[in-house]
Protein backbone atom coordinates (compact mmCIF):
# COMPACT_ATOMS: atom_id res chain seq x y z
CA MET A 1 -14.31 159.26 -162.02
CA THR A 2 -13.52 155.63 -161.44
CA ASN A 3 -10.83 153.74 -163.65
CA GLN A 4 -12.85 150.01 -162.42
CA TRP A 5 -15.28 149.11 -164.75
CA HIS A 6 -17.93 145.72 -164.95
CA ARG A 7 -18.44 144.50 -168.30
CA HIS A 8 -22.08 145.43 -168.42
CA GLU A 9 -21.60 148.86 -167.54
CA ALA A 10 -18.50 148.99 -169.66
CA GLU A 11 -21.01 148.03 -172.83
CA ALA A 12 -23.67 150.35 -171.84
CA ARG A 13 -21.43 153.64 -171.35
CA ILE A 14 -18.74 153.05 -173.82
CA ARG A 15 -18.34 156.35 -174.89
CA GLU A 16 -17.68 157.28 -171.37
CA LEU A 17 -15.06 154.31 -170.48
CA LEU A 18 -13.25 155.45 -173.93
CA ASP A 19 -13.03 159.13 -172.97
CA ALA A 20 -12.08 158.39 -169.63
CA ALA A 21 -9.28 156.21 -170.97
CA LYS A 22 -7.98 159.61 -172.81
CA THR A 23 -8.30 161.84 -169.93
CA SER A 24 -7.46 159.63 -166.67
CA GLY A 25 -5.48 157.32 -168.12
CA PRO A 26 -5.88 153.56 -168.26
CA GLN A 27 -9.50 151.81 -167.31
CA THR A 28 -10.00 148.14 -166.41
CA VAL A 29 -13.33 146.16 -167.33
CA ARG A 30 -13.67 143.19 -165.20
CA ASP A 31 -15.53 140.40 -166.80
CA THR A 32 -16.52 137.15 -165.27
CA ASP A 33 -13.15 135.37 -165.88
CA GLY A 34 -10.71 138.11 -166.32
CA ALA A 35 -10.04 142.04 -167.04
CA PHE A 36 -9.59 144.26 -170.14
CA THR A 37 -7.47 147.14 -169.77
CA ILE A 38 -8.55 150.02 -172.16
CA THR A 39 -5.87 152.40 -172.69
CA PHE A 40 -5.52 155.44 -174.88
CA SER A 41 -2.28 156.28 -177.02
CA GLN A 42 -1.91 159.36 -179.03
CA THR A 43 -0.98 159.23 -182.50
CA LYS A 44 0.37 162.57 -182.96
CA ALA A 45 1.93 165.53 -180.97
CA GLY A 46 -0.93 167.94 -179.83
CA LEU A 47 0.23 171.77 -180.30
CA GLU A 48 0.73 172.06 -176.50
CA GLN A 49 3.54 169.47 -177.12
CA LEU A 50 4.96 170.95 -179.99
CA PHE A 51 5.29 174.29 -178.72
CA SER A 52 6.67 173.05 -175.37
CA LYS A 53 10.19 171.76 -176.97
CA PRO A 54 12.40 174.21 -177.95
CA GLY A 55 14.54 174.16 -181.62
CA PRO A 56 12.92 172.43 -184.79
CA LEU A 57 10.53 169.83 -184.95
CA GLN A 58 11.96 166.66 -185.98
CA ASP A 59 9.77 164.86 -188.89
CA ASP A 60 7.89 167.59 -189.34
CA ASP A 61 5.95 168.31 -192.55
CA LEU A 62 7.36 171.81 -194.07
CA ASP A 63 10.01 171.76 -196.99
CA LEU A 64 12.37 174.31 -195.89
């Protein structure tokens, strides 16, 4: 999958653009006078990330 998009293509395929930013990294959308960079920022750690670290979790929601 490419990480370069023309604006009209990105507008027509917005879901694919967002999915690509999430799975393949930053996507560049070219416009007539510049470019946009679309990135995905994960707000919560996934289970794979949580279980890959040893020890107790910081900022967890458990009251022990």
